[in-house]
Amino acid sequence: MDREERNDRMRQGPIRITLNSGDTADILSREMVTVGSMTAVVLVRGEDGQYRHHVYPLVTMSKIEQLEAAQ
């Protein structure tokens, strides 16, 4: 999956990224992620409610799936 395909999926709505390690990151809004040529920077809310950024190399993303939109 190339960068443009990843960007298209992210624009379509909330997604879940699964990494090769099995870890997942839910991206609920396009504003929560920036995709570069080699990495994606994602804002993730921690258990304490604070947002932190995580940097994920694109080569470690094994799956991107659409999530159901919140009603």
PDB file of N, CA and C in Angstrom:
ATOM      1  N   MET A   1       0.860  -1.166   0.000  1.00  0.00           N
ATOM      2  CA  MET A   1       0.000   0.000   0.000  1.00  0.00           C
ATOM      3  C   MET A   1       0.904   1.227   0.000  1.00  0.00           C
ATOM      4  N   ASP A   2       0.719   2.100  -0.956  1.00  0.00           N
ATOM      5  CA  ASP A   2       1.564   3.277  -1.040  1.00  0.00           C
ATOM      6  C   ASP A   2       0.986   4.445  -0.236  1.00  0.00           C
ATOM      7  N   ARG A   3       1.740   5.550  -0.193  1.00  0.00           N
ATOM      8  CA  ARG A   3       1.363   6.707   0.618  1.00  0.00           C
ATOM      9  C   ARG A   3       0.015   7.282   0.211  1.00  0.00           C
ATOM     10  N   GLU A   4      -0.220   7.412  -1.092  1.00  0.00           N
ATOM     11  CA  GLU A   4      -1.483   7.983  -1.562  1.00  0.00           C
ATOM     12  C   GLU A   4      -2.682   7.116  -1.168  1.00  0.00           C
ATOM     13  N   GLU A   5      -2.523   5.808  -1.257  1.00  0.00           N
ATOM     14  CA  GLU A   5      -3.618   4.914  -0.858  1.00  0.00           C
ATOM     15  C   GLU A   5      -3.899   5.041   0.637  1.00  0.00           C
ATOM     16  N   ARG A   6      -2.834   5.134   1.445  1.00  0.00           N
ATOM     17  CA  ARG A   6      -3.023   5.337   2.893  1.00  0.00           C
ATOM     18  C   ARG A   6      -3.753   6.652   3.147  1.00  0.00           C
ATOM     19  N   ASN A   7      -3.334   7.726   2.471  1.00  0.00           N
ATOM     20  CA  ASN A   7      -3.994   9.023   2.656  1.00  0.00           C
ATOM     21  C   ASN A   7      -5.460   8.959   2.259  1.00  0.00           C
ATOM     22  N   ASP A   8      -5.767   8.279   1.164  1.00  0.00           N
ATOM     23  CA  ASP A   8      -7.164   8.146   0.733  1.00  0.00           C
ATOM     24  C   ASP A   8      -7.991   7.432   1.784  1.00  0.00           C
ATOM     25  N   ARG A   9      -7.463   6.366   2.341  1.00  0.00           N
ATOM     26  CA  ARG A   9      -8.203   5.640   3.381  1.00  0.00           C
ATOM     27  C   ARG A   9      -8.438   6.511   4.598  1.00  0.00           C
ATOM     28  N   MET A  10      -7.444   7.297   4.971  1.00  0.00           N
ATOM     29  CA  MET A  10      -7.571   8.155   6.147  1.00  0.00           C
ATOM     30  C   MET A  10      -8.594   9.261   5.924  1.00  0.00           C
ATOM     31  N   ARG A  11      -8.723   9.725   4.708  1.00  0.00           N
ATOM     32  CA  ARG A  11      -9.714  10.768   4.392  1.00  0.00           C
ATOM     33  C   ARG A  11     -11.137  10.216   4.394  1.00  0.00           C
ATOM     34  N   GLN A  12     -11.300   8.918   4.212  1.00  0.00           N
ATOM     35  CA  GLN A  12     -12.625   8.316   4.117  1.00  0.00           C
ATOM     36  C   GLN A  12     -13.330   8.201   5.459  1.00  0.00           C
ATOM     37  N   GLY A  13     -12.620   8.352   6.527  1.00  0.00           N
ATOM     38  CA  GLY A  13     -13.278   8.272   7.820  1.00  0.00           C
ATOM     39  C   GLY A  13     -12.400   7.611   8.847  1.00  0.00           C
ATOM     40  N   PRO A  14     -12.949   7.279   9.991  1.00  0.00           N
ATOM     41  CA  PRO A  14     -12.132   6.698  11.052  1.00  0.00           C
ATOM     42  C   PRO A  14     -11.545   5.359  10.618  1.00  0.00           C
ATOM     43  N   ILE A  15     -10.269   5.137  10.990  1.00  0.00           N
ATOM     44  CA  ILE A  15      -9.591   3.898  10.626  1.00  0.00           C
ATOM     45  C   ILE A  15      -8.841   3.324  11.820  1.00  0.00           C
ATOM     46  N   ARG A  16      -8.481   2.068  11.703  1.00  0.00           N
ATOM     47  CA  ARG A  16      -7.603   1.398  12.664  1.00  0.00           C
ATOM     48  C   ARG A  16      -6.378   0.914  11.898  1.00  0.00           C
ATOM     49  N   ILE A  17      -5.211   1.297  12.373  1.00  0.00           N
ATOM     50  CA  ILE A  17      -3.958   0.833  11.795  1.00  0.00           C
ATOM     51  C   ILE A  17      -3.443  -0.311  12.660  1.00  0.00           C
ATOM     52  N   THR A  18      -3.098  -1.417  12.036  1.00  0.00           N
ATOM     53  CA  THR A  18      -2.482  -2.538  12.728  1.00  0.00           C
ATOM     54  C   THR A  18      -1.028  -2.616  12.294  1.00  0.00           C
ATOM     55  N   LEU A  19      -0.141  -2.672  13.278  1.00  0.00           N
ATOM     56  CA  LEU A  19       1.289  -2.739  13.005  1.00  0.00           C
ATOM     57  C   LEU A  19       1.761  -4.186  12.989  1.00  0.00           C
ATOM     58  N   ASN A  20       2.946  -4.423  12.444  1.00  0.00           N
ATOM     59  CA  ASN A  20       3.506  -5.771  12.389  1.00  0.00           C
ATOM     60  C   ASN A  20       3.619  -6.401  13.772  1.00  0.00           C
ATOM     61  N   SER A  21       3.788  -5.582  14.800  1.00  0.00           N
ATOM     62  CA  SER A  21       3.910  -6.070  16.174  1.00  0.00           C
ATOM     63  C   SER A  21       2.576  -6.518  16.755  1.00  0.00           C
ATOM     64  N   GLY A  22       1.462  -6.194  16.064  1.00  0.00           N
ATOM     65  CA  GLY A  22       0.134  -6.501  16.578  1.00  0.00           C
ATOM     66  C   GLY A  22      -0.512  -5.326  17.283  1.00  0.00           C
ATOM     67  N   ASP A  23       0.260  -4.289  17.583  1.00  0.00           N
ATOM     68  CA  ASP A  23      -0.289  -3.076  18.192  1.00  0.00           C
ATOM     69  C   ASP A  23      -1.238  -2.397  17.210  1.00  0.00           C
ATOM     70  N   THR A  24      -2.223  -1.675  17.743  1.00  0.00           N
ATOM     71  CA  THR A  24      -3.168  -0.957  16.895  1.00  0.00           C
ATOM     72  C   THR A  24      -3.242   0.502  17.325  1.00  0.00           C
ATOM     73  N   ALA A  25      -3.629   1.332  16.378  1.00  0.00           N
ATOM     74  CA  ALA A  25      -3.873   2.753  16.650  1.00  0.00           C
ATOM     75  C   ALA A  25      -5.143   3.137  15.924  1.00  0.00           C
ATOM     76  N   ASP A  26      -6.118   3.653  16.657  1.00  0.00           N
ATOM     77  CA  ASP A  26      -7.363   4.131  16.058  1.00  0.00           C
ATOM     78  C   ASP A  26      -7.221   5.610  15.734  1.00  0.00           C
ATOM     79  N   ILE A  27      -7.510   5.957  14.501  1.00  0.00           N
ATOM     80  CA  ILE A  27      -7.458   7.350  14.052  1.00  0.00           C
ATOM     81  C   ILE A  27      -8.886   7.759  13.745  1.00  0.00           C
ATOM     82  N   LEU A  28      -9.453   8.580  14.626  1.00  0.00           N
ATOM     83  CA  LEU A  28     -10.855   8.937  14.522  1.00  0.00           C
ATOM     84  C   LEU A  28     -11.108  10.142  13.641  1.00  0.00           C
ATOM     85  N   SER A  29     -10.063  10.929  13.384  1.00  0.00           N
ATOM     86  CA  SER A  29     -10.214  12.139  12.586  1.00  0.00           C
ATOM     87  C   SER A  29      -8.958  12.351  11.757  1.00  0.00           C
ATOM     88  N   ARG A  30      -9.113  12.876  10.572  1.00  0.00           N
ATOM     89  CA  ARG A  30      -7.990  13.150   9.675  1.00  0.00           C
ATOM     90  C   ARG A  30      -7.002  14.124  10.310  1.00  0.00           C
ATOM     91  N   GLU A  31      -7.481  14.995  11.172  1.00  0.00           N
ATOM     92  CA  GLU A  31      -6.624  15.960  11.837  1.00  0.00           C
ATOM     93  C   GLU A  31      -5.695  15.319  12.860  1.00  0.00           C
ATOM     94  N   MET A  32      -5.891  14.050  13.165  1.00  0.00           N
ATOM     95  CA  MET A  32      -5.091  13.358  14.173  1.00  0.00           C
ATOM     96  C   MET A  32      -3.855  12.678  13.587  1.00  0.00           C
ATOM     97  N   VAL A  33      -3.632  12.807  12.277  1.00  0.00           N
ATOM     98  CA  VAL A  33      -2.511  12.111  11.649  1.00  0.00           C
ATOM     99  C   VAL A  33      -1.896  12.965  10.549  1.00  0.00           C
ATOM    100  N   THR A  34      -0.581  12.852  10.427  1.00  0.00           N
ATOM    101  CA  THR A  34       0.162  13.439   9.321  1.00  0.00           C
ATOM    102  C   THR A  34       1.011  12.333   8.729  1.00  0.00           C
ATOM    103  N   VAL A  35       0.920  12.158   7.420  1.00  0.00           N
ATOM    104  CA  VAL A  35       1.666  11.097   6.751  1.00  0.00           C
ATOM    105  C   VAL A  35       2.765  11.723   5.912  1.00  0.00           C
ATOM    106  N   GLY A  36       3.992  11.286   6.171  1.00  0.00           N
ATOM    107  CA  GLY A  36       5.142  11.731   5.394  1.00  0.00           C
ATOM    108  C   GLY A  36       5.545  10.642   4.407  1.00  0.00           C
ATOM    109  N   SER A  37       6.727  10.762   3.856  1.00  0.00           N
ATOM    110  CA  SER A  37       7.181   9.782   2.873  1.00  0.00           C
ATOM    111  C   SER A  37       7.597   8.469   3.516  1.00  0.00           C
ATOM    112  N   MET A  38       7.975   8.498   4.813  1.00  0.00           N
ATOM    113  CA  MET A  38       8.425   7.268   5.471  1.00  0.00           C
ATOM    114  C   MET A  38       7.717   6.957   6.776  1.00  0.00           C
ATOM    115  N   THR A  39       7.033   7.949   7.355  1.00  0.00           N
ATOM    116  CA  THR A  39       6.395   7.751   8.657  1.00  0.00           C
ATOM    117  C   THR A  39       5.026   8.402   8.711  1.00  0.00           C
ATOM    118  N   ALA A  40       4.247   7.964   9.681  1.00  0.00           N
ATOM    119  CA  ALA A  40       2.982   8.615  10.021  1.00  0.00           C
ATOM    120  C   ALA A  40       3.087   9.058  11.477  1.00  0.00           C
ATOM    121  N   VAL A  41       2.717  10.292  11.750  1.00  0.00           N
ATOM    122  CA  VAL A  41       2.698  10.814  13.114  1.00  0.00           C
ATOM    123  C   VAL A  41       1.240  10.890  13.539  1.00  0.00           C
ATOM    124  N   VAL A  42       0.920  10.189  14.629  1.00  0.00           N
ATOM    125  CA  VAL A  42      -0.465  10.046  15.071  1.00  0.00           C
ATOM    126  C   VAL A  42      -0.609  10.587  16.490  1.00  0.00           C
ATOM    127  N   LEU A  43      -1.641  11.400  16.724  1.00  0.00           N
ATOM    128  CA  LEU A  43      -1.968  11.819  18.087  1.00  0.00           C
ATOM    129  C   LEU A  43      -2.833  10.742  18.719  1.00  0.00           C
ATOM    130  N   VAL A  44      -2.384  10.253  19.867  1.00  0.00           N
ATOM    131  CA  VAL A  44      -3.080   9.166  20.561  1.00  0.00           C
ATOM    132  C   VAL A  44      -3.408   9.629  21.970  1.00  0.00           C
ATOM    133  N   ARG A  45      -4.649   9.413  22.382  1.00  0.00           N
ATOM    134  CA  ARG A  45      -5.058   9.779  23.745  1.00  0.00           C
ATOM    135  C   ARG A  45      -4.664   8.652  24.693  1.00  0.00           C
ATOM    136  N   GLY A  46      -3.907   9.002  25.727  1.00  0.00           N
ATOM    137  CA  GLY A  46      -3.478   8.035  26.724  1.00  0.00           C
ATOM    138  C   GLY A  46      -4.563   7.766  27.752  1.00  0.00           C
ATOM    139  N   GLU A  47      -4.282   6.830  28.647  1.00  0.00           N
ATOM    140  CA  GLU A  47      -5.241   6.490  29.696  1.00  0.00           C
ATOM    141  C   GLU A  47      -5.510   7.665  30.623  1.00  0.00           C
ATOM    142  N   ASP A  48      -4.551   8.594  30.701  1.00  0.00           N
ATOM    143  CA  ASP A  48      -4.724   9.774  31.554  1.00  0.00           C
ATOM    144  C   ASP A  48      -5.468  10.900  30.851  1.00  0.00           C
ATOM    145  N   GLY A  49      -5.898  10.661  29.596  1.00  0.00           N
ATOM    146  CA  GLY A  49      -6.651  11.664  28.855  1.00  0.00           C
ATOM    147  C   GLY A  49      -5.794  12.645  28.072  1.00  0.00           C
ATOM    148  N   GLN A  50      -4.486  12.583  28.249  1.00  0.00           N
ATOM    149  CA  GLN A  50      -3.573  13.475  27.545  1.00  0.00           C
ATOM    150  C   GLN A  50      -3.254  12.925  26.157  1.00  0.00           C
ATOM    151  N   TYR A  51      -3.111  13.811  25.193  1.00  0.00           N
ATOM    152  CA  TYR A  51      -2.717  13.404  23.844  1.00  0.00           C
ATOM    153  C   TYR A  51      -1.201  13.393  23.738  1.00  0.00           C
ATOM    154  N   ARG A  52      -0.699  12.360  23.076  1.00  0.00           N
ATOM    155  CA  ARG A  52       0.731  12.247  22.812  1.00  0.00           C
ATOM    156  C   ARG A  52       0.907  11.840  21.360  1.00  0.00           C
ATOM    157  N   HIS A  53       2.035  12.198  20.783  1.00  0.00           N
ATOM    158  CA  HIS A  53       2.266  11.801  19.401  1.00  0.00           C
ATOM    159  C   HIS A  53       3.089  10.512  19.366  1.00  0.00           C
ATOM    160  N   HIS A  54       2.749   9.669  18.419  1.00  0.00           N
ATOM    161  CA  HIS A  54       3.479   8.433  18.158  1.00  0.00           C
ATOM    162  C   HIS A  54       3.913   8.478  16.707  1.00  0.00           C
ATOM    163  N   VAL A  55       5.135   8.074  16.468  1.00  0.00           N
ATOM    164  CA  VAL A  55       5.674   8.037  15.110  1.00  0.00           C
ATOM    165  C   VAL A  55       5.728   6.583  14.673  1.00  0.00           C
ATOM    166  N   TYR A  56       5.027   6.262  13.585  1.00  0.00           N
ATOM    167  CA  TYR A  56       4.979   4.894  13.070  1.00  0.00           C
ATOM    168  C   TYR A  56       5.607   4.849  11.677  1.00  0.00           C
ATOM    169  N   PRO A  57       6.670   4.069  11.503  1.00  0.00           N
ATOM    170  CA  PRO A  57       7.209   3.890  10.147  1.00  0.00           C
ATOM    171  C   PRO A  57       6.161   3.218   9.258  1.00  0.00           C
ATOM    172  N   LEU A  58       6.012   3.710   8.039  1.00  0.00           N
ATOM    173  CA  LEU A  58       4.992   3.160   7.139  1.00  0.00           C
ATOM    174  C   LEU A  58       5.218   1.674   6.855  1.00  0.00           C
ATOM    175  N   VAL A  59       6.469   1.240   6.827  1.00  0.00           N
ATOM    176  CA  VAL A  59       6.745  -0.170   6.515  1.00  0.00           C
ATOM    177  C   VAL A  59       6.282  -1.111   7.612  1.00  0.00           C
ATOM    178  N   THR A  60       5.961  -0.589   8.809  1.00  0.00           N
ATOM    179  CA  THR A  60       5.493  -1.447   9.895  1.00  0.00           C
ATOM    180  C   THR A  60       3.978  -1.613   9.923  1.00  0.00           C
ATOM    181  N   MET A  61       3.272  -0.903   9.020  1.00  0.00           N
ATOM    182  CA  MET A  61       1.808  -0.988   8.986  1.00  0.00           C
ATOM    183  C   MET A  61       1.397  -2.183   8.142  1.00  0.00           C
ATOM    184  N   SER A  62       0.794  -3.168   8.801  1.00  0.00           N
ATOM    185  CA  SER A  62       0.402  -4.378   8.090  1.00  0.00           C
ATOM    186  C   SER A  62      -1.042  -4.341   7.599  1.00  0.00           C
ATOM    187  N   LYS A  63      -1.882  -3.503   8.232  1.00  0.00           N
ATOM    188  CA  LYS A  63      -3.294  -3.462   7.832  1.00  0.00           C
ATOM    189  C   LYS A  63      -3.903  -2.117   8.210  1.00  0.00           C
ATOM    190  N   ILE A  64      -4.779  -1.622   7.337  1.00  0.00           N
ATOM    191  CA  ILE A  64      -5.587  -0.434   7.633  1.00  0.00           C
ATOM    192  C   ILE A  64      -7.025  -0.804   7.343  1.00  0.00           C
ATOM    193  N   GLU A  65      -7.882  -0.656   8.360  1.00  0.00           N
ATOM    194  CA  GLU A  65      -9.289  -1.008   8.172  1.00  0.00           C
ATOM    195  C   GLU A  65     -10.179   0.148   8.607  1.00  0.00           C
ATOM    196  N   GLN A  66     -11.311   0.296   7.919  1.00  0.00           N
ATOM    197  CA  GLN A  66     -12.286   1.327   8.248  1.00  0.00           C
ATOM    198  C   GLN A  66     -13.015   0.955   9.534  1.00  0.00           C
ATOM    199  N   LEU A  67     -13.269   1.947  10.375  1.00  0.00           N
ATOM    200  CA  LEU A  67     -14.069   1.784  11.581  1.00  0.00           C
ATOM    201  C   LEU A  67     -15.445   2.361  11.297  1.00  0.00           C
ATOM    202  N   GLU A  68     -16.415   1.908  12.038  1.00  0.00           N
ATOM    203  CA  GLU A  68     -17.765   2.462  11.915  1.00  0.00           C
ATOM    204  C   GLU A  68     -17.757   3.890  12.446  1.00  0.00           C
ATOM    205  N   ALA A  69     -18.379   4.770  11.717  1.00  0.00           N
ATOM    206  CA  ALA A  69     -18.480   6.173  12.152  1.00  0.00           C
ATOM    207  C   ALA A  69     -19.347   6.256  13.393  1.00  0.00           C
ATOM    208  N   ALA A  70     -18.981   7.151  14.309  1.00  0.00           N
ATOM    209  CA  ALA A  70     -19.775   7.352  15.525  1.00  0.00           C
ATOM    210  C   ALA A  70     -21.120   7.946  15.163  1.00  0.00           C
ATOM    211  N   GLN A  71     -22.155   7.444  15.790  1.00  0.00           N
ATOM    212  CA  GLN A  71     -23.519   7.930  15.527  1.00  0.00           C
ATOM    213  C   GLN A  71     -23.899   8.991  16.506  1.00  0.00           C
TER     214      GLN A  71
END
